Amino acid sequence: QYKRDPDLQEAHRQHPFITVWDDHESAN
């Protein structure tokens, strides 16, 4: 669902991302 968002898609399309997870990728 997140990856279908057009604005998030555009940010990913234009730039490399460097990511880490926090809590909400699993649970609060």
mmCIF file of all heavy atoms, coordinates in Angstrom:
data_MODEL
# 
_entry.id   MODEL 
# 
loop_
_atom_site.group_PDB 
_atom_site.id 
_atom_site.type_symbol 
_atom_site.label_atom_id 
_atom_site.label_alt_id 
_atom_site.label_comp_id 
_atom_site.label_asym_id 
_atom_site.label_entity_id 
_atom_site.label_seq_id 
_atom_site.pdbx_PDB_ins_code 
_atom_site.Cartn_x 
_atom_site.Cartn_y 
_atom_site.Cartn_z 
_atom_site.occupancy 
_atom_site.B_iso_or_equiv 
_atom_site.pdbx_formal_charge 
_atom_site.auth_seq_id 
_atom_site.auth_comp_id 
_atom_site.auth_asym_id 
_atom_site.auth_atom_id 
_atom_site.pdbx_PDB_model_num 
ATOM 1   N N   . GLN A 1 1  ? 0.831  -1.203 0.000   1.00 0.00 ? 1  GLN A N   1 
ATOM 2   C CA  . GLN A 1 1  ? 0.000  0.000  0.000   1.00 0.00 ? 1  GLN A CA  1 
ATOM 3   C C   . GLN A 1 1  ? 0.868  1.257  0.000   1.00 0.00 ? 1  GLN A C   1 
ATOM 4   O O   . GLN A 1 1  ? 0.613  2.201  -0.765  1.00 0.00 ? 1  GLN A O   1 
ATOM 5   C CB  . GLN A 1 1  ? -0.928 0.008  1.210   1.00 0.00 ? 1  GLN A CB  1 
ATOM 6   C CG  . GLN A 1 1  ? -1.825 1.248  1.255   1.00 0.00 ? 1  GLN A CG  1 
ATOM 7   C CD  . GLN A 1 1  ? -2.686 1.311  2.507   1.00 0.00 ? 1  GLN A CD  1 
ATOM 8   O OE1 . GLN A 1 1  ? -2.296 0.830  3.562   1.00 0.00 ? 1  GLN A OE1 1 
ATOM 9   N NE2 . GLN A 1 1  ? -3.867 1.899  2.382   1.00 0.00 ? 1  GLN A NE2 1 
ATOM 10  N N   . TYR A 1 2  ? 1.881  1.293  0.846   1.00 0.00 ? 2  TYR A N   1 
ATOM 11  C CA  . TYR A 1 2  ? 2.763  2.460  0.886   1.00 0.00 ? 2  TYR A CA  1 
ATOM 12  C C   . TYR A 1 2  ? 3.465  2.665  -0.449  1.00 0.00 ? 2  TYR A C   1 
ATOM 13  O O   . TYR A 1 2  ? 3.580  3.792  -0.944  1.00 0.00 ? 2  TYR A O   1 
ATOM 14  C CB  . TYR A 1 2  ? 3.794  2.296  2.004   1.00 0.00 ? 2  TYR A CB  1 
ATOM 15  C CG  . TYR A 1 2  ? 3.320  2.742  3.360   1.00 0.00 ? 2  TYR A CG  1 
ATOM 16  C CD1 . TYR A 1 2  ? 2.242  2.121  3.989   1.00 0.00 ? 2  TYR A CD1 1 
ATOM 17  C CD2 . TYR A 1 2  ? 3.945  3.774  4.040   1.00 0.00 ? 2  TYR A CD2 1 
ATOM 18  C CE1 . TYR A 1 2  ? 1.803  2.523  5.242   1.00 0.00 ? 2  TYR A CE1 1 
ATOM 19  C CE2 . TYR A 1 2  ? 3.527  4.187  5.297   1.00 0.00 ? 2  TYR A CE2 1 
ATOM 20  C CZ  . TYR A 1 2  ? 2.449  3.551  5.892   1.00 0.00 ? 2  TYR A CZ  1 
ATOM 21  O OH  . TYR A 1 2  ? 2.009  3.952  7.135   1.00 0.00 ? 2  TYR A OH  1 
ATOM 22  N N   . LYS A 1 3  ? 3.957  1.583  -1.042  1.00 0.00 ? 3  LYS A N   1 
ATOM 23  C CA  . LYS A 1 3  ? 4.717  1.710  -2.277  1.00 0.00 ? 3  LYS A CA  1 
ATOM 24  C C   . LYS A 1 3  ? 3.841  2.092  -3.478  1.00 0.00 ? 3  LYS A C   1 
ATOM 25  O O   . LYS A 1 3  ? 4.369  2.420  -4.537  1.00 0.00 ? 3  LYS A O   1 
ATOM 26  C CB  . LYS A 1 3  ? 5.455  0.402  -2.573  1.00 0.00 ? 3  LYS A CB  1 
ATOM 27  C CG  . LYS A 1 3  ? 6.706  0.156  -1.729  1.00 0.00 ? 3  LYS A CG  1 
ATOM 28  C CD  . LYS A 1 3  ? 7.838  1.117  -2.084  1.00 0.00 ? 3  LYS A CD  1 
ATOM 29  C CE  . LYS A 1 3  ? 9.197  0.574  -1.667  1.00 0.00 ? 3  LYS A CE  1 
ATOM 30  N NZ  . LYS A 1 3  ? 9.328  0.240  -0.265  1.00 0.00 ? 3  LYS A NZ  1 
ATOM 31  N N   . ARG A 1 4  ? 2.528  2.051  -3.340  1.00 0.00 ? 4  ARG A N   1 
ATOM 32  C CA  . ARG A 1 4  ? 1.669  2.533  -4.430  1.00 0.00 ? 4  ARG A CA  1 
ATOM 33  C C   . ARG A 1 4  ? 1.436  4.039  -4.344  1.00 0.00 ? 4  ARG A C   1 
ATOM 34  O O   . ARG A 1 4  ? 0.880  4.623  -5.293  1.00 0.00 ? 4  ARG A O   1 
ATOM 35  C CB  . ARG A 1 4  ? 0.315  1.807  -4.419  1.00 0.00 ? 4  ARG A CB  1 
ATOM 36  C CG  . ARG A 1 4  ? 0.383  0.343  -4.813  1.00 0.00 ? 4  ARG A CG  1 
ATOM 37  C CD  . ARG A 1 4  ? -0.996 -0.189 -5.201  1.00 0.00 ? 4  ARG A CD  1 
ATOM 38  N NE  . ARG A 1 4  ? -1.995 0.064  -4.179  1.00 0.00 ? 4  ARG A NE  1 
ATOM 39  C CZ  . ARG A 1 4  ? -2.241 -0.738 -3.153  1.00 0.00 ? 4  ARG A CZ  1 
ATOM 40  N NH1 . ARG A 1 4  ? -1.539 -1.848 -2.995  1.00 0.00 ? 4  ARG A NH1 1 
ATOM 41  N NH2 . ARG A 1 4  ? -3.180 -0.445 -2.271  1.00 0.00 ? 4  ARG A NH2 1 
ATOM 42  N N   . ASP A 1 5  ? 1.834  4.673  -3.261  1.00 0.00 ? 5  ASP A N   1 
ATOM 43  C CA  . ASP A 1 5  ? 1.645  6.110  -3.141  1.00 0.00 ? 5  ASP A CA  1 
ATOM 44  C C   . ASP A 1 5  ? 2.513  6.823  -4.181  1.00 0.00 ? 5  ASP A C   1 
ATOM 45  O O   . ASP A 1 5  ? 3.731  6.601  -4.248  1.00 0.00 ? 5  ASP A O   1 
ATOM 46  C CB  . ASP A 1 5  ? 2.035  6.577  -1.741  1.00 0.00 ? 5  ASP A CB  1 
ATOM 47  C CG  . ASP A 1 5  ? 1.861  8.069  -1.580  1.00 0.00 ? 5  ASP A CG  1 
ATOM 48  O OD1 . ASP A 1 5  ? 0.758  8.488  -1.180  1.00 0.00 ? 5  ASP A OD1 1 
ATOM 49  O OD2 . ASP A 1 5  ? 2.819  8.817  -1.880  1.00 0.00 ? 5  ASP A OD2 1 
ATOM 50  N N   . PRO A 1 6  ? 1.945  7.698  -5.016  1.00 0.00 ? 6  PRO A N   1 
ATOM 51  C CA  . PRO A 1 6  ? 2.723  8.306  -6.109  1.00 0.00 ? 6  PRO A CA  1 
ATOM 52  C C   . PRO A 1 6  ? 3.848  9.202  -5.623  1.00 0.00 ? 6  PRO A C   1 
ATOM 53  O O   . PRO A 1 6  ? 4.901  9.272  -6.275  1.00 0.00 ? 6  PRO A O   1 
ATOM 54  C CB  . PRO A 1 6  ? 1.664  9.090  -6.902  1.00 0.00 ? 6  PRO A CB  1 
ATOM 55  C CG  . PRO A 1 6  ? 0.537  9.310  -5.945  1.00 0.00 ? 6  PRO A CG  1 
ATOM 56  C CD  . PRO A 1 6  ? 0.522  8.104  -5.049  1.00 0.00 ? 6  PRO A CD  1 
ATOM 57  N N   . ASP A 1 7  ? 3.672  9.893  -4.499  1.00 0.00 ? 7  ASP A N   1 
ATOM 58  C CA  . ASP A 1 7  ? 4.727  10.775 -4.008  1.00 0.00 ? 7  ASP A CA  1 
ATOM 59  C C   . ASP A 1 7  ? 5.899  9.984  -3.454  1.00 0.00 ? 7  ASP A C   1 
ATOM 60  O O   . ASP A 1 7  ? 7.065  10.342 -3.671  1.00 0.00 ? 7  ASP A O   1 
ATOM 61  C CB  . ASP A 1 7  ? 4.170  11.719 -2.948  1.00 0.00 ? 7  ASP A CB  1 
ATOM 62  C CG  . ASP A 1 7  ? 3.125  12.675 -3.513  1.00 0.00 ? 7  ASP A CG  1 
ATOM 63  O OD1 . ASP A 1 7  ? 3.234  13.021 -4.705  1.00 0.00 ? 7  ASP A OD1 1 
ATOM 64  O OD2 . ASP A 1 7  ? 2.209  13.054 -2.768  1.00 0.00 ? 7  ASP A OD2 1 
ATOM 65  N N   . LEU A 1 8  ? 5.620  8.910  -2.734  1.00 0.00 ? 8  LEU A N   1 
ATOM 66  C CA  . LEU A 1 8  ? 6.695  8.044  -2.257  1.00 0.00 ? 8  LEU A CA  1 
ATOM 67  C C   . LEU A 1 8  ? 7.399  7.382  -3.433  1.00 0.00 ? 8  LEU A C   1 
ATOM 68  O O   . LEU A 1 8  ? 8.635  7.289  -3.463  1.00 0.00 ? 8  LEU A O   1 
ATOM 69  C CB  . LEU A 1 8  ? 6.137  6.990  -1.296  1.00 0.00 ? 8  LEU A CB  1 
ATOM 70  C CG  . LEU A 1 8  ? 7.135  5.981  -0.734  1.00 0.00 ? 8  LEU A CG  1 
ATOM 71  C CD1 . LEU A 1 8  ? 8.326  6.662  -0.087  1.00 0.00 ? 8  LEU A CD1 1 
ATOM 72  C CD2 . LEU A 1 8  ? 6.449  5.034  0.241   1.00 0.00 ? 8  LEU A CD2 1 
ATOM 73  N N   . GLN A 1 9  ? 6.645  6.923  -4.424  1.00 0.00 ? 9  GLN A N   1 
ATOM 74  C CA  . GLN A 1 9  ? 7.265  6.349  -5.619  1.00 0.00 ? 9  GLN A CA  1 
ATOM 75  C C   . GLN A 1 9  ? 8.213  7.337  -6.280  1.00 0.00 ? 9  GLN A C   1 
ATOM 76  O O   . GLN A 1 9  ? 9.311  6.977  -6.713  1.00 0.00 ? 9  GLN A O   1 
ATOM 77  C CB  . GLN A 1 9  ? 6.193  5.913  -6.623  1.00 0.00 ? 9  GLN A CB  1 
ATOM 78  C CG  . GLN A 1 9  ? 5.493  4.620  -6.292  1.00 0.00 ? 9  GLN A CG  1 
ATOM 79  C CD  . GLN A 1 9  ? 4.704  4.079  -7.473  1.00 0.00 ? 9  GLN A CD  1 
ATOM 80  O OE1 . GLN A 1 9  ? 4.866  4.500  -8.618  1.00 0.00 ? 9  GLN A OE1 1 
ATOM 81  N NE2 . GLN A 1 9  ? 3.826  3.126  -7.192  1.00 0.00 ? 9  GLN A NE2 1 
ATOM 82  N N   . GLU A 1 10 ? 7.788  8.584  -6.373  1.00 0.00 ? 10 GLU A N   1 
ATOM 83  C CA  . GLU A 1 10 ? 8.621  9.588  -7.044  1.00 0.00 ? 10 GLU A CA  1 
ATOM 84  C C   . GLU A 1 10 ? 9.900  9.864  -6.270  1.00 0.00 ? 10 GLU A C   1 
ATOM 85  O O   . GLU A 1 10 ? 10.976 10.030 -6.863  1.00 0.00 ? 10 GLU A O   1 
ATOM 86  C CB  . GLU A 1 10 ? 7.822  10.871 -7.243  1.00 0.00 ? 10 GLU A CB  1 
ATOM 87  C CG  . GLU A 1 10 ? 8.520  11.932 -8.062  1.00 0.00 ? 10 GLU A CG  1 
ATOM 88  C CD  . GLU A 1 10 ? 8.728  11.561 -9.519  1.00 0.00 ? 10 GLU A CD  1 
ATOM 89  O OE1 . GLU A 1 10 ? 8.297  10.474 -9.942  1.00 0.00 ? 10 GLU A OE1 1 
ATOM 90  O OE2 . GLU A 1 10 ? 9.345  12.364 -10.249 1.00 0.00 ? 10 GLU A OE2 1 
ATOM 91  N N   . ALA A 1 11 ? 9.836  9.915  -4.948  1.00 0.00 ? 11 ALA A N   1 
ATOM 92  C CA  . ALA A 1 11 ? 11.048 10.111 -4.152  1.00 0.00 ? 11 ALA A CA  1 
ATOM 93  C C   . ALA A 1 11 ? 12.017 8.956  -4.359  1.00 0.00 ? 11 ALA A C   1 
ATOM 94  O O   . ALA A 1 11 ? 13.232 9.157  -4.512  1.00 0.00 ? 11 ALA A O   1 
ATOM 95  C CB  . ALA A 1 11 ? 10.688 10.260 -2.675  1.00 0.00 ? 11 ALA A CB  1 
ATOM 96  N N   . HIS A 1 12 ? 11.496 7.726  -4.351  1.00 0.00 ? 12 HIS A N   1 
ATOM 97  C CA  . HIS A 1 12 ? 12.354 6.565  -4.595  1.00 0.00 ? 12 HIS A CA  1 
ATOM 98  C C   . HIS A 1 12 ? 12.928 6.585  -6.009  1.00 0.00 ? 12 HIS A C   1 
ATOM 99  O O   . HIS A 1 12 ? 14.078 6.179  -6.226  1.00 0.00 ? 12 HIS A O   1 
ATOM 100 C CB  . HIS A 1 12 ? 11.558 5.276  -4.393  1.00 0.00 ? 12 HIS A CB  1 
ATOM 101 C CG  . HIS A 1 12 ? 11.509 4.799  -2.977  1.00 0.00 ? 12 HIS A CG  1 
ATOM 102 N ND1 . HIS A 1 12 ? 12.641 4.448  -2.270  1.00 0.00 ? 12 HIS A ND1 1 
ATOM 103 C CD2 . HIS A 1 12 ? 10.460 4.580  -2.138  1.00 0.00 ? 12 HIS A CD2 1 
ATOM 104 C CE1 . HIS A 1 12 ? 12.296 4.038  -1.058  1.00 0.00 ? 12 HIS A CE1 1 
ATOM 105 N NE2 . HIS A 1 12 ? 10.980 4.114  -0.947  1.00 0.00 ? 12 HIS A NE2 1 
ATOM 106 N N   . ARG A 1 13 ? 12.152 7.013  -6.969  1.00 0.00 ? 13 ARG A N   1 
ATOM 107 C CA  . ARG A 1 13 ? 12.598 7.001  -8.368  1.00 0.00 ? 13 ARG A CA  1 
ATOM 108 C C   . ARG A 1 13 ? 13.736 7.994  -8.610  1.00 0.00 ? 13 ARG A C   1 
ATOM 109 O O   . ARG A 1 13 ? 14.632 7.750  -9.418  1.00 0.00 ? 13 ARG A O   1 
ATOM 110 C CB  . ARG A 1 13 ? 11.415 7.317  -9.288  1.00 0.00 ? 13 ARG A CB  1 
ATOM 111 C CG  . ARG A 1 13 ? 11.668 7.049  -10.761 1.00 0.00 ? 13 ARG A CG  1 
ATOM 112 C CD  . ARG A 1 13 ? 10.432 7.346  -11.579 1.00 0.00 ? 13 ARG A CD  1 
ATOM 113 N NE  . ARG A 1 13 ? 10.148 8.766  -11.582 1.00 0.00 ? 13 ARG A NE  1 
ATOM 114 C CZ  . ARG A 1 13 ? 10.700 9.641  -12.428 1.00 0.00 ? 13 ARG A CZ  1 
ATOM 115 N NH1 . ARG A 1 13 ? 11.602 9.228  -13.306 1.00 0.00 ? 13 ARG A NH1 1 
ATOM 116 N NH2 . ARG A 1 13 ? 10.381 10.920 -12.379 1.00 0.00 ? 13 ARG A NH2 1 
ATOM 117 N N   . GLN A 1 14 ? 13.723 9.088  -7.864  1.00 0.00 ? 14 GLN A N   1 
ATOM 118 C CA  . GLN A 1 14 ? 14.715 10.136 -8.080  1.00 0.00 ? 14 GLN A CA  1 
ATOM 119 C C   . GLN A 1 14 ? 15.993 9.947  -7.281  1.00 0.00 ? 14 GLN A C   1 
ATOM 120 O O   . GLN A 1 14 ? 17.056 10.413 -7.702  1.00 0.00 ? 14 GLN A O   1 
ATOM 121 C CB  . GLN A 1 14 ? 14.109 11.497 -7.718  1.00 0.00 ? 14 GLN A CB  1 
ATOM 122 C CG  . GLN A 1 14 ? 12.948 11.932 -8.583  1.00 0.00 ? 14 GLN A CG  1 
ATOM 123 C CD  . GLN A 1 14 ? 13.370 12.365 -9.979  1.00 0.00 ? 14 GLN A CD  1 
ATOM 124 O OE1 . GLN A 1 14 ? 14.560 12.411 -10.302 1.00 0.00 ? 14 GLN A OE1 1 
ATOM 125 N NE2 . GLN A 1 14 ? 12.397 12.673 -10.807 1.00 0.00 ? 14 GLN A NE2 1 
ATOM 126 N N   . HIS A 1 15 ? 15.926 9.278  -6.118  1.00 0.00 ? 15 HIS A N   1 
ATOM 127 C CA  . HIS A 1 15 ? 17.082 9.256  -5.211  1.00 0.00 ? 15 HIS A CA  1 
ATOM 128 C C   . HIS A 1 15 ? 17.291 7.869  -4.612  1.00 0.00 ? 15 HIS A C   1 
ATOM 129 O O   . HIS A 1 15 ? 16.314 7.169  -4.300  1.00 0.00 ? 15 HIS A O   1 
ATOM 130 C CB  . HIS A 1 15 ? 16.864 10.227 -4.042  1.00 0.00 ? 15 HIS A CB  1 
ATOM 131 C CG  . HIS A 1 15 ? 16.520 11.612 -4.434  1.00 0.00 ? 15 HIS A CG  1 
ATOM 132 N ND1 . HIS A 1 15 ? 17.352 12.419 -5.192  1.00 0.00 ? 15 HIS A ND1 1 
ATOM 133 C CD2 . HIS A 1 15 ? 15.407 12.370 -4.169  1.00 0.00 ? 15 HIS A CD2 1 
ATOM 134 C CE1 . HIS A 1 15 ? 16.795 13.597 -5.370  1.00 0.00 ? 15 HIS A CE1 1 
ATOM 135 N NE2 . HIS A 1 15 ? 15.610 13.597 -4.762  1.00 0.00 ? 15 HIS A NE2 1 
ATOM 136 N N   . PRO A 1 16 ? 18.545 7.492  -4.350  1.00 0.00 ? 16 PRO A N   1 
ATOM 137 C CA  . PRO A 1 16 ? 18.775 6.298  -3.529  1.00 0.00 ? 16 PRO A CA  1 
ATOM 138 C C   . PRO A 1 16 ? 18.392 6.565  -2.084  1.00 0.00 ? 16 PRO A C   1 
ATOM 139 O O   . PRO A 1 16 ? 18.573 7.674  -1.575  1.00 0.00 ? 16 PRO A O   1 
ATOM 140 C CB  . PRO A 1 16 ? 20.283 6.054  -3.677  1.00 0.00 ? 16 PRO A CB  1 
ATOM 141 C CG  . PRO A 1 16 ? 20.855 7.396  -4.014  1.00 0.00 ? 16 PRO A CG  1 
ATOM 142 C CD  . PRO A 1 16 ? 19.809 8.117  -4.803  1.00 0.00 ? 16 PRO A CD  1 
ATOM 143 N N   . PHE A 1 17 ? 17.841 5.541  -1.427  1.00 0.00 ? 17 PHE A N   1 
ATOM 144 C CA  . PHE A 1 17 ? 17.464 5.628  -0.011  1.00 0.00 ? 17 PHE A CA  1 
ATOM 145 C C   . PHE A 1 17 ? 18.445 4.809  0.822   1.00 0.00 ? 17 PHE A C   1 
ATOM 146 O O   . PHE A 1 17 ? 18.903 3.738  0.402   1.00 0.00 ? 17 PHE A O   1 
ATOM 147 C CB  . PHE A 1 17 ? 16.058 5.071  0.209   1.00 0.00 ? 17 PHE A CB  1 
ATOM 148 C CG  . PHE A 1 17 ? 14.945 6.077  0.062   1.00 0.00 ? 17 PHE A CG  1 
ATOM 149 C CD1 . PHE A 1 17 ? 14.836 6.871  -1.078  1.00 0.00 ? 17 PHE A CD1 1 
ATOM 150 C CD2 . PHE A 1 17 ? 13.989 6.220  1.058   1.00 0.00 ? 17 PHE A CD2 1 
ATOM 151 C CE1 . PHE A 1 17 ? 13.804 7.781  -1.216  1.00 0.00 ? 17 PHE A CE1 1 
ATOM 152 C CE2 . PHE A 1 17 ? 12.952 7.139  0.934   1.00 0.00 ? 17 PHE A CE2 1 
ATOM 153 C CZ  . PHE A 1 17 ? 12.857 7.928  -0.211  1.00 0.00 ? 17 PHE A CZ  1 
ATOM 154 N N   . ILE A 1 18 ? 18.736 5.307  2.016   1.00 0.00 ? 18 ILE A N   1 
ATOM 155 C CA  . ILE A 1 18 ? 19.536 4.598  3.012   1.00 0.00 ? 18 ILE A CA  1 
ATOM 156 C C   . ILE A 1 18 ? 18.642 4.468  4.232   1.00 0.00 ? 18 ILE A C   1 
ATOM 157 O O   . ILE A 1 18 ? 18.266 5.470  4.846   1.00 0.00 ? 18 ILE A O   1 
ATOM 158 C CB  . ILE A 1 18 ? 20.821 5.386  3.343   1.00 0.00 ? 18 ILE A CB  1 
ATOM 159 C CG1 . ILE A 1 18 ? 21.685 5.544  2.086   1.00 0.00 ? 18 ILE A CG1 1 
ATOM 160 C CG2 . ILE A 1 18 ? 21.596 4.698  4.455   1.00 0.00 ? 18 ILE A CG2 1 
ATOM 161 C CD1 . ILE A 1 18 ? 22.798 6.567  2.237   1.00 0.00 ? 18 ILE A CD1 1 
ATOM 162 N N   . THR A 1 19 ? 18.262 3.241  4.598   1.00 0.00 ? 19 THR A N   1 
ATOM 163 C CA  . THR A 1 19 ? 17.175 3.068  5.553   1.00 0.00 ? 19 THR A CA  1 
ATOM 164 C C   . THR A 1 19 ? 17.558 2.204  6.751   1.00 0.00 ? 19 THR A C   1 
ATOM 165 O O   . THR A 1 19 ? 18.414 1.321  6.663   1.00 0.00 ? 19 THR A O   1 
ATOM 166 C CB  . THR A 1 19 ? 15.937 2.435  4.881   1.00 0.00 ? 19 THR A CB  1 
ATOM 167 O OG1 . THR A 1 19 ? 16.205 1.056  4.571   1.00 0.00 ? 19 THR A OG1 1 
ATOM 168 C CG2 . THR A 1 19 ? 15.564 3.165  3.599   1.00 0.00 ? 19 THR A CG2 1 
ATOM 169 N N   . VAL A 1 20 ? 16.902 2.485  7.873   1.00 0.00 ? 20 VAL A N   1 
ATOM 170 C CA  . VAL A 1 20 ? 16.867 1.593  9.031   1.00 0.00 ? 20 VAL A CA  1 
ATOM 171 C C   . VAL A 1 20 ? 15.421 1.538  9.504   1.00 0.00 ? 20 VAL A C   1 
ATOM 172 O O   . VAL A 1 20 ? 14.638 2.446  9.236   1.00 0.00 ? 20 VAL A O   1 
ATOM 173 C CB  . VAL A 1 20 ? 17.774 2.074  10.186  1.00 0.00 ? 20 VAL A CB  1 
ATOM 174 C CG1 . VAL A 1 20 ? 19.242 1.924  9.819   1.00 0.00 ? 20 VAL A CG1 1 
ATOM 175 C CG2 . VAL A 1 20 ? 17.462 3.523  10.582  1.00 0.00 ? 20 VAL A CG2 1 
ATOM 176 N N   . TRP A 1 21 ? 15.075 0.460  10.187  1.00 0.00 ? 21 TRP A N   1 
ATOM 177 C CA  . TRP A 1 21 ? 13.720 0.392  10.743  1.00 0.00 ? 21 TRP A CA  1 
ATOM 178 C C   . TRP A 1 21 ? 13.693 0.986  12.145  1.00 0.00 ? 21 TRP A C   1 
ATOM 179 O O   . TRP A 1 21 ? 14.711 1.094  12.832  1.00 0.00 ? 21 TRP A O   1 
ATOM 180 C CB  . TRP A 1 21 ? 13.179 -1.019 10.755  1.00 0.00 ? 21 TRP A CB  1 
ATOM 181 C CG  . TRP A 1 21 ? 14.010 -2.048 11.480  1.00 0.00 ? 21 TRP A CG  1 
ATOM 182 C CD1 . TRP A 1 21 ? 14.524 -1.979 12.748  1.00 0.00 ? 21 TRP A CD1 1 
ATOM 183 C CD2 . TRP A 1 21 ? 14.408 -3.326 10.966  1.00 0.00 ? 21 TRP A CD2 1 
ATOM 184 N NE1 . TRP A 1 21 ? 15.211 -3.127 13.063  1.00 0.00 ? 21 TRP A NE1 1 
ATOM 185 C CE2 . TRP A 1 21 ? 15.158 -3.975 11.989  1.00 0.00 ? 21 TRP A CE2 1 
ATOM 186 C CE3 . TRP A 1 21 ? 14.202 -3.993 9.771   1.00 0.00 ? 21 TRP A CE3 1 
ATOM 187 C CZ2 . TRP A 1 21 ? 15.703 -5.245 11.820  1.00 0.00 ? 21 TRP A CZ2 1 
ATOM 188 C CZ3 . TRP A 1 21 ? 14.739 -5.253 9.609   1.00 0.00 ? 21 TRP A CZ3 1 
ATOM 189 C CH2 . TRP A 1 21 ? 15.477 -5.867 10.620  1.00 0.00 ? 21 TRP A CH2 1 
ATOM 190 N N   . ASP A 1 22 ? 12.496 1.377  12.580  1.00 0.00 ? 22 ASP A N   1 
ATOM 191 C CA  . ASP A 1 22 ? 12.252 1.736  13.973  1.00 0.00 ? 22 ASP A CA  1 
ATOM 192 C C   . ASP A 1 22 ? 11.220 0.745  14.509  1.00 0.00 ? 22 ASP A C   1 
ATOM 193 O O   . ASP A 1 22 ? 11.234 -0.428 14.120  1.00 0.00 ? 22 ASP A O   1 
ATOM 194 C CB  . ASP A 1 22 ? 11.811 3.194  14.082  1.00 0.00 ? 22 ASP A CB  1 
ATOM 195 C CG  . ASP A 1 22 ? 11.866 3.718  15.521  1.00 0.00 ? 22 ASP A CG  1 
ATOM 196 O OD1 . ASP A 1 22 ? 12.452 3.061  16.391  1.00 0.00 ? 22 ASP A OD1 1 
ATOM 197 O OD2 . ASP A 1 22 ? 11.296 4.790  15.773  1.00 0.00 ? 22 ASP A OD2 1 
ATOM 198 N N   . ASP A 1 23 ? 10.284 1.179  15.322  1.00 0.00 ? 23 ASP A N   1 
ATOM 199 C CA  . ASP A 1 23 ? 9.361  0.227  15.929  1.00 0.00 ? 23 ASP A CA  1 
ATOM 200 C C   . ASP A 1 23 ? 8.144  -0.081 15.061  1.00 0.00 ? 23 ASP A C   1 
ATOM 201 O O   . ASP A 1 23 ? 7.679  -1.220 15.013  1.00 0.00 ? 23 ASP A O   1 
ATOM 202 C CB  . ASP A 1 23 ? 8.915  0.691  17.315  1.00 0.00 ? 23 ASP A CB  1 
ATOM 203 C CG  . ASP A 1 23 ? 8.366  2.112  17.346  1.00 0.00 ? 23 ASP A CG  1 
ATOM 204 O OD1 . ASP A 1 23 ? 8.646  2.886  16.412  1.00 0.00 ? 23 ASP A OD1 1 
ATOM 205 O OD2 . ASP A 1 23 ? 7.685  2.458  18.326  1.00 0.00 ? 23 ASP A OD2 1 
ATOM 206 N N   . HIS A 1 24 ? 7.612  0.899  14.328  1.00 0.00 ? 24 HIS A N   1 
ATOM 207 C CA  . HIS A 1 24 ? 6.327  0.674  13.669  1.00 0.00 ? 24 HIS A CA  1 
ATOM 208 C C   . HIS A 1 24 ? 6.432  -0.216 12.434  1.00 0.00 ? 24 HIS A C   1 
ATOM 209 O O   . HIS A 1 24 ? 5.396  -0.665 11.916  1.00 0.00 ? 24 HIS A O   1 
ATOM 210 C CB  . HIS A 1 24 ? 5.661  2.002  13.336  1.00 0.00 ? 24 HIS A CB  1 
ATOM 211 C CG  . HIS A 1 24 ? 5.204  2.728  14.563  1.00 0.00 ? 24 HIS A CG  1 
ATOM 212 N ND1 . HIS A 1 24 ? 4.160  2.272  15.348  1.00 0.00 ? 24 HIS A ND1 1 
ATOM 213 C CD2 . HIS A 1 24 ? 5.674  3.843  15.175  1.00 0.00 ? 24 HIS A CD2 1 
ATOM 214 C CE1 . HIS A 1 24 ? 3.990  3.091  16.367  1.00 0.00 ? 24 HIS A CE1 1 
ATOM 215 N NE2 . HIS A 1 24 ? 4.897  4.047  16.290  1.00 0.00 ? 24 HIS A NE2 1 
ATOM 216 N N   . GLU A 1 25 ? 7.634  -0.505 11.978  1.00 0.00 ? 25 GLU A N   1 
ATOM 217 C CA  . GLU A 1 25 ? 7.773  -1.552 10.964  1.00 0.00 ? 25 GLU A CA  1 
ATOM 218 C C   . GLU A 1 25 ? 7.444  -2.922 11.535  1.00 0.00 ? 25 GLU A C   1 
ATOM 219 O O   . GLU A 1 25 ? 7.239  -3.883 10.795  1.00 0.00 ? 25 GLU A O   1 
ATOM 220 C CB  . GLU A 1 25 ? 9.194  -1.566 10.384  1.00 0.00 ? 25 GLU A CB  1 
ATOM 221 C CG  . GLU A 1 25 ? 9.521  -0.432 9.441   1.00 0.00 ? 25 GLU A CG  1 
ATOM 222 C CD  . GLU A 1 25 ? 10.045 0.809  10.149  1.00 0.00 ? 25 GLU A CD  1 
ATOM 223 O OE1 . GLU A 1 25 ? 9.992  0.876  11.397  1.00 0.00 ? 25 GLU A OE1 1 
ATOM 224 O OE2 . GLU A 1 25 ? 10.526 1.718  9.444   1.00 0.00 ? 25 GLU A OE2 1 
ATOM 225 N N   . SER A 1 26 ? 7.366  -3.018 12.864  1.00 0.00 ? 26 SER A N   1 
ATOM 226 C CA  . SER A 1 26 ? 6.938  -4.253 13.526  1.00 0.00 ? 26 SER A CA  1 
ATOM 227 C C   . SER A 1 26 ? 5.763  -3.961 14.456  1.00 0.00 ? 26 SER A C   1 
ATOM 228 O O   . SER A 1 26 ? 4.619  -4.309 14.158  1.00 0.00 ? 26 SER A O   1 
ATOM 229 C CB  . SER A 1 26 ? 8.101  -4.906 14.274  1.00 0.00 ? 26 SER A CB  1 
ATOM 230 O OG  . SER A 1 26 ? 8.729  -3.985 15.168  1.00 0.00 ? 26 SER A OG  1 
ATOM 231 N N   . ALA A 1 27 ? 6.005  -3.282 15.593  1.00 0.00 ? 27 ALA A N   1 
ATOM 232 C CA  . ALA A 1 27 ? 4.932  -2.935 16.533  1.00 0.00 ? 27 ALA A CA  1 
ATOM 233 C C   . ALA A 1 27 ? 5.415  -1.822 17.442  1.00 0.00 ? 27 ALA A C   1 
ATOM 234 O O   . ALA A 1 27 ? 6.614  -1.670 17.690  1.00 0.00 ? 27 ALA A O   1 
ATOM 235 C CB  . ALA A 1 27 ? 4.512  -4.153 17.357  1.00 0.00 ? 27 ALA A CB  1 
ATOM 236 N N   . ASN A 1 28 ? 4.491  -1.058 17.984  1.00 0.00 ? 28 ASN A N   1 
ATOM 237 C CA  . ASN A 1 28 ? 4.832  0.138  18.744  1.00 0.00 ? 28 ASN A CA  1 
ATOM 238 C C   . ASN A 1 28 ? 5.724  -0.178 19.946  1.00 0.00 ? 28 ASN A C   1 
ATOM 239 O O   . ASN A 1 28 ? 5.493  -1.137 20.690  1.00 0.00 ? 28 ASN A O   1 
ATOM 240 C CB  . ASN A 1 28 ? 3.546  0.817  19.247  1.00 0.00 ? 28 ASN A CB  1 
ATOM 241 C CG  . ASN A 1 28 ? 3.832  2.103  19.987  1.00 0.00 ? 28 ASN A CG  1 
ATOM 242 O OD1 . ASN A 1 28 ? 4.472  2.996  19.446  1.00 0.00 ? 28 ASN A OD1 1 
ATOM 243 N ND2 . ASN A 1 28 ? 3.371  2.203  21.227  1.00 0.00 ? 28 ASN A ND2 1 
# 
